[in-house]
Amino acid sequence: MPQEQLIWKTSTYTDSGTCVEWARPASGVLVRDTKDRQRGRVQLSGDSWRTFVVWVQQAP
């Protein structure tokens, strides 16, 4: 999928500019660094993304 068709999102809790953003292609989730958007992206399965989000929400 061409990158221009993806809608990239960041957390509403992010205020430092040093975070990741994600997009939802047809399957799974793509994650990239907000400081270097042209570098590679990491593709995760939907299950892996949900597990990560739950883990982050439980962090102190």
PDB file of N, CA and C in Angstrom:
ATOM      1  N   MET A   1       0.841  -1.179   0.000  1.00  0.00           N
ATOM      2  CA  MET A   1       0.000   0.000   0.000  1.00  0.00           C
ATOM      3  C   MET A   1       0.883   1.237   0.000  1.00  0.00           C
ATOM      4  N   PRO A   2       0.670   2.148  -0.926  1.00  0.00           N
ATOM      5  CA  PRO A   2       1.461   3.383  -0.935  1.00  0.00           C
ATOM      6  C   PRO A   2       1.257   4.175   0.356  1.00  0.00           C
ATOM      7  N   GLN A   3       2.333   4.762   0.842  1.00  0.00           N
ATOM      8  CA  GLN A   3       2.288   5.463   2.112  1.00  0.00           C
ATOM      9  C   GLN A   3       1.263   6.593   2.129  1.00  0.00           C
ATOM     10  N   GLU A   4       1.072   7.306   1.019  1.00  0.00           N
ATOM     11  CA  GLU A   4       0.145   8.426   1.009  1.00  0.00           C
ATOM     12  C   GLU A   4      -1.302   8.000   1.253  1.00  0.00           C
ATOM     13  N   GLN A   5      -1.625   6.736   1.112  1.00  0.00           N
ATOM     14  CA  GLN A   5      -2.975   6.258   1.371  1.00  0.00           C
ATOM     15  C   GLN A   5      -3.178   5.873   2.836  1.00  0.00           C
ATOM     16  N   LEU A   6      -2.123   5.807   3.596  1.00  0.00           N
ATOM     17  CA  LEU A   6      -2.224   5.444   5.007  1.00  0.00           C
ATOM     18  C   LEU A   6      -2.522   6.677   5.848  1.00  0.00           C
ATOM     19  N   ILE A   7      -3.300   6.497   6.878  1.00  0.00           N
ATOM     20  CA  ILE A   7      -3.569   7.565   7.829  1.00  0.00           C
ATOM     21  C   ILE A   7      -2.770   7.256   9.088  1.00  0.00           C
ATOM     22  N   TRP A   8      -1.724   8.053   9.341  1.00  0.00           N
ATOM     23  CA  TRP A   8      -0.850   7.848  10.483  1.00  0.00           C
ATOM     24  C   TRP A   8      -1.399   8.606  11.686  1.00  0.00           C
ATOM     25  N   LYS A   9      -1.358   7.963  12.849  1.00  0.00           N
ATOM     26  CA  LYS A   9      -1.883   8.556  14.085  1.00  0.00           C
ATOM     27  C   LYS A   9      -0.839   8.462  15.187  1.00  0.00           C
ATOM     28  N   THR A  10      -0.889   9.418  16.100  1.00  0.00           N
ATOM     29  CA  THR A  10      -0.062   9.372  17.308  1.00  0.00           C
ATOM     30  C   THR A  10      -0.996   9.419  18.511  1.00  0.00           C
ATOM     31  N   SER A  11      -0.484   9.071  19.648  1.00  0.00           N
ATOM     32  CA  SER A  11      -1.274   9.091  20.865  1.00  0.00           C
ATOM     33  C   SER A  11      -1.645  10.529  21.227  1.00  0.00           C
ATOM     34  N   THR A  12      -2.833  10.706  21.756  1.00  0.00           N
ATOM     35  CA  THR A  12      -3.255  12.030  22.222  1.00  0.00           C
ATOM     36  C   THR A  12      -2.498  12.414  23.490  1.00  0.00           C
ATOM     37  N   TYR A  13      -1.817  11.479  24.111  1.00  0.00           N
ATOM     38  CA  TYR A  13      -1.042  11.747  25.319  1.00  0.00           C
ATOM     39  C   TYR A  13       0.389  12.174  25.006  1.00  0.00           C
ATOM     40  N   THR A  14       0.769  12.159  23.758  1.00  0.00           N
ATOM     41  CA  THR A  14       2.126  12.487  23.366  1.00  0.00           C
ATOM     42  C   THR A  14       2.305  13.993  23.321  1.00  0.00           C
ATOM     43  N   ASP A  15       3.339  14.490  24.010  1.00  0.00           N
ATOM     44  CA  ASP A  15       3.609  15.918  23.952  1.00  0.00           C
ATOM     45  C   ASP A  15       5.080  16.232  23.729  1.00  0.00           C
ATOM     46  N   SER A  16       5.910  15.216  23.633  1.00  0.00           N
ATOM     47  CA  SER A  16       7.345  15.445  23.505  1.00  0.00           C
ATOM     48  C   SER A  16       7.861  15.331  22.078  1.00  0.00           C
ATOM     49  N   GLY A  17       7.065  14.780  21.180  1.00  0.00           N
ATOM     50  CA  GLY A  17       7.517  14.585  19.814  1.00  0.00           C
ATOM     51  C   GLY A  17       8.429  13.382  19.649  1.00  0.00           C
ATOM     52  N   THR A  18       8.694  12.665  20.719  1.00  0.00           N
ATOM     53  CA  THR A  18       9.537  11.468  20.644  1.00  0.00           C
ATOM     54  C   THR A  18       8.671  10.244  20.913  1.00  0.00           C
ATOM     55  N   CYS A  19       7.959   9.870  19.908  1.00  0.00           N
ATOM     56  CA  CYS A  19       7.050   8.739  20.078  1.00  0.00           C
ATOM     57  C   CYS A  19       6.962   7.970  18.776  1.00  0.00           C
ATOM     58  N   VAL A  20       6.046   7.072  18.733  1.00  0.00           N
ATOM     59  CA  VAL A  20       5.782   6.331  17.510  1.00  0.00           C
ATOM     60  C   VAL A  20       4.400   6.723  17.012  1.00  0.00           C
ATOM     61  N   GLU A  21       4.172   6.468  15.751  1.00  0.00           N
ATOM     62  CA  GLU A  21       2.840   6.639  15.203  1.00  0.00           C
ATOM     63  C   GLU A  21       2.482   5.364  14.463  1.00  0.00           C
ATOM     64  N   TRP A  22       1.211   5.153  14.263  1.00  0.00           N
ATOM     65  CA  TRP A  22       0.771   3.908  13.666  1.00  0.00           C
ATOM     66  C   TRP A  22      -0.254   4.177  12.572  1.00  0.00           C
ATOM     67  N   ALA A  23      -0.359   3.195  11.687  1.00  0.00           N
ATOM     68  CA  ALA A  23      -1.342   3.227  10.606  1.00  0.00           C
ATOM     69  C   ALA A  23      -1.936   1.835  10.473  1.00  0.00           C
ATOM     70  N   ARG A  24      -3.146   1.770   9.943  1.00  0.00           N
ATOM     71  CA  ARG A  24      -3.837   0.489   9.788  1.00  0.00           C
ATOM     72  C   ARG A  24      -4.008   0.159   8.316  1.00  0.00           C
ATOM     73  N   PRO A  25      -3.068  -0.591   7.737  1.00  0.00           N
ATOM     74  CA  PRO A  25      -3.282  -1.057   6.363  1.00  0.00           C
ATOM     75  C   PRO A  25      -4.376  -2.129   6.360  1.00  0.00           C
ATOM     76  N   ALA A  26      -4.545  -2.791   5.240  1.00  0.00           N
ATOM     77  CA  ALA A  26      -5.605  -3.805   5.110  1.00  0.00           C
ATOM     78  C   ALA A  26      -5.519  -4.873   6.191  1.00  0.00           C
ATOM     79  N   SER A  27      -4.297  -5.228   6.606  1.00  0.00           N
ATOM     80  CA  SER A  27      -4.155  -6.204   7.689  1.00  0.00           C
ATOM     81  C   SER A  27      -3.018  -5.774   8.598  1.00  0.00           C
ATOM     82  N   GLY A  28      -3.185  -5.983   9.879  1.00  0.00           N
ATOM     83  CA  GLY A  28      -2.150  -5.652  10.841  1.00  0.00           C
ATOM     84  C   GLY A  28      -2.048  -4.163  11.111  1.00  0.00           C
ATOM     85  N   VAL A  29      -0.881  -3.768  11.645  1.00  0.00           N
ATOM     86  CA  VAL A  29      -0.610  -2.383  12.016  1.00  0.00           C
ATOM     87  C   VAL A  29       0.826  -2.061  11.621  1.00  0.00           C
ATOM     88  N   LEU A  30       1.055  -0.870  11.097  1.00  0.00           N
ATOM     89  CA  LEU A  30       2.402  -0.399  10.815  1.00  0.00           C
ATOM     90  C   LEU A  30       2.778   0.627  11.875  1.00  0.00           C
ATOM     91  N   VAL A  31       4.028   0.574  12.335  1.00  0.00           N
ATOM     92  CA  VAL A  31       4.518   1.489  13.361  1.00  0.00           C
ATOM     93  C   VAL A  31       5.798   2.130  12.843  1.00  0.00           C
ATOM     94  N   ARG A  32       5.944   3.446  13.082  1.00  0.00           N
ATOM     95  CA  ARG A  32       7.173   4.144  12.686  1.00  0.00           C
ATOM     96  C   ARG A  32       7.529   5.196  13.719  1.00  0.00           C
ATOM     97  N   ASP A  33       8.777   5.641  13.680  1.00  0.00           N
ATOM     98  CA  ASP A  33       9.305   6.646  14.591  1.00  0.00           C
ATOM     99  C   ASP A  33       8.919   8.036  14.091  1.00  0.00           C
ATOM    100  N   THR A  34       8.373   8.873  14.963  1.00  0.00           N
ATOM    101  CA  THR A  34       7.967  10.207  14.546  1.00  0.00           C
ATOM    102  C   THR A  34       9.160  11.112  14.244  1.00  0.00           C
ATOM    103  N   LYS A  35      10.319  10.788  14.794  1.00  0.00           N
ATOM    104  CA  LYS A  35      11.502  11.624  14.559  1.00  0.00           C
ATOM    105  C   LYS A  35      12.164  11.334  13.214  1.00  0.00           C
ATOM    106  N   ASP A  36      11.876  10.192  12.627  1.00  0.00           N
ATOM    107  CA  ASP A  36      12.480   9.819  11.343  1.00  0.00           C
ATOM    108  C   ASP A  36      11.488   8.997  10.538  1.00  0.00           C
ATOM    109  N   ARG A  37      10.495   9.656  10.020  1.00  0.00           N
ATOM    110  CA  ARG A  37       9.391   8.976   9.340  1.00  0.00           C
ATOM    111  C   ARG A  37       9.804   8.267   8.056  1.00  0.00           C
ATOM    112  N   GLN A  38      10.917   8.655   7.467  1.00  0.00           N
ATOM    113  CA  GLN A  38      11.355   8.045   6.212  1.00  0.00           C
ATOM    114  C   GLN A  38      12.096   6.719   6.415  1.00  0.00           C
ATOM    115  N   ARG A  39      12.480   6.436   7.640  1.00  0.00           N
ATOM    116  CA  ARG A  39      13.133   5.150   7.921  1.00  0.00           C
ATOM    117  C   ARG A  39      12.115   4.035   7.841  1.00  0.00           C
ATOM    118  N   GLY A  40      12.548   2.877   8.142  1.00  0.00           N
ATOM    119  CA  GLY A  40      11.677   1.706   8.037  1.00  0.00           C
ATOM    120  C   GLY A  40      10.485   1.750   8.966  1.00  0.00           C
ATOM    121  N   ARG A  41       9.540   0.913   8.644  1.00  0.00           N
ATOM    122  CA  ARG A  41       8.347   0.726   9.456  1.00  0.00           C
ATOM    123  C   ARG A  41       8.333  -0.709   9.954  1.00  0.00           C
ATOM    124  N   VAL A  42       7.731  -0.913  11.082  1.00  0.00           N
ATOM    125  CA  VAL A  42       7.590  -2.249  11.648  1.00  0.00           C
ATOM    126  C   VAL A  42       6.140  -2.669  11.472  1.00  0.00           C
ATOM    127  N   GLN A  43       5.936  -3.859  10.932  1.00  0.00           N
ATOM    128  CA  GLN A  43       4.570  -4.367  10.766  1.00  0.00           C
ATOM    129  C   GLN A  43       4.271  -5.371  11.867  1.00  0.00           C
ATOM    130  N   LEU A  44       3.141  -5.179  12.517  1.00  0.00           N
ATOM    131  CA  LEU A  44       2.696  -6.058  13.591  1.00  0.00           C
ATOM    132  C   LEU A  44       1.347  -6.667  13.220  1.00  0.00           C
ATOM    133  N   SER A  45       1.090  -7.828  13.780  1.00  0.00           N
ATOM    134  CA  SER A  45      -0.248  -8.401  13.618  1.00  0.00           C
ATOM    135  C   SER A  45      -1.204  -7.614  14.516  1.00  0.00           C
ATOM    136  N   GLY A  46      -2.478  -7.711  14.233  1.00  0.00           N
ATOM    137  CA  GLY A  46      -3.470  -7.042  15.072  1.00  0.00           C
ATOM    138  C   GLY A  46      -3.391  -7.500  16.521  1.00  0.00           C
ATOM    139  N   ASP A  47      -3.180  -8.808  16.739  1.00  0.00           N
ATOM    140  CA  ASP A  47      -3.066  -9.339  18.106  1.00  0.00           C
ATOM    141  C   ASP A  47      -1.855  -8.770  18.828  1.00  0.00           C
ATOM    142  N   SER A  48      -0.727  -8.685  18.136  1.00  0.00           N
ATOM    143  CA  SER A  48       0.484  -8.138  18.758  1.00  0.00           C
ATOM    144  C   SER A  48       0.285  -6.672  19.121  1.00  0.00           C
ATOM    145  N   TRP A  49      -0.358  -5.912  18.251  1.00  0.00           N
ATOM    146  CA  TRP A  49      -0.620  -4.488  18.524  1.00  0.00           C
ATOM    147  C   TRP A  49      -1.525  -4.332  19.745  1.00  0.00           C
ATOM    148  N   ARG A  50      -2.591  -5.133  19.821  1.00  0.00           N
ATOM    149  CA  ARG A  50      -3.491  -5.052  20.971  1.00  0.00           C
ATOM    150  C   ARG A  50      -2.765  -5.401  22.263  1.00  0.00           C
ATOM    151  N   THR A  51      -1.909  -6.410  22.223  1.00  0.00           N
ATOM    152  CA  THR A  51      -1.131  -6.783  23.408  1.00  0.00           C
ATOM    153  C   THR A  51      -0.217  -5.639  23.838  1.00  0.00           C
ATOM    154  N   PHE A  52       0.435  -5.002  22.882  1.00  0.00           N
ATOM    155  CA  PHE A  52       1.308  -3.869  23.174  1.00  0.00           C
ATOM    156  C   PHE A  52       0.517  -2.715  23.794  1.00  0.00           C
ATOM    157  N   VAL A  53      -0.633  -2.376  23.234  1.00  0.00           N
ATOM    158  CA  VAL A  53      -1.428  -1.264  23.745  1.00  0.00           C
ATOM    159  C   VAL A  53      -1.878  -1.545  25.179  1.00  0.00           C
ATOM    160  N   VAL A  54      -2.321  -2.748  25.469  1.00  0.00           N
ATOM    161  CA  VAL A  54      -2.734  -3.104  26.830  1.00  0.00           C
ATOM    162  C   VAL A  54      -1.538  -2.975  27.773  1.00  0.00           C
ATOM    163  N   TRP A  55      -0.377  -3.439  27.356  1.00  0.00           N
ATOM    164  CA  TRP A  55       0.835  -3.349  28.182  1.00  0.00           C
ATOM    165  C   TRP A  55       1.164  -1.886  28.499  1.00  0.00           C
ATOM    166  N   VAL A  56       1.097  -1.023  27.504  1.00  0.00           N
ATOM    167  CA  VAL A  56       1.402   0.400  27.708  1.00  0.00           C
ATOM    168  C   VAL A  56       0.390   1.031  28.655  1.00  0.00           C
ATOM    169  N   GLN A  57      -0.859   0.693  28.509  1.00  0.00           N
ATOM    170  CA  GLN A  57      -1.890   1.267  29.368  1.00  0.00           C
ATOM    171  C   GLN A  57      -1.713   0.870  30.824  1.00  0.00           C
ATOM    172  N   GLN A  58      -1.073  -0.269  31.076  1.00  0.00           N
ATOM    173  CA  GLN A  58      -0.878  -0.748  32.439  1.00  0.00           C
ATOM    174  C   GLN A  58       0.430  -0.259  33.052  1.00  0.00           C
ATOM    175  N   ALA A  59       1.287   0.368  32.252  1.00  0.00           N
ATOM    176  CA  ALA A  59       2.588   0.834  32.754  1.00  0.00           C
ATOM    177  C   ALA A  59       2.379   1.973  33.763  1.00  0.00           C
ATOM    178  N   PRO A  60       3.213   2.009  34.793  1.00  0.00           N
ATOM    179  CA  PRO A  60       3.079   3.082  35.812  1.00  0.00           C
ATOM    180  C   PRO A  60       3.428   4.448  35.269  1.00  0.00           C
TER     181      PRO A  60
END
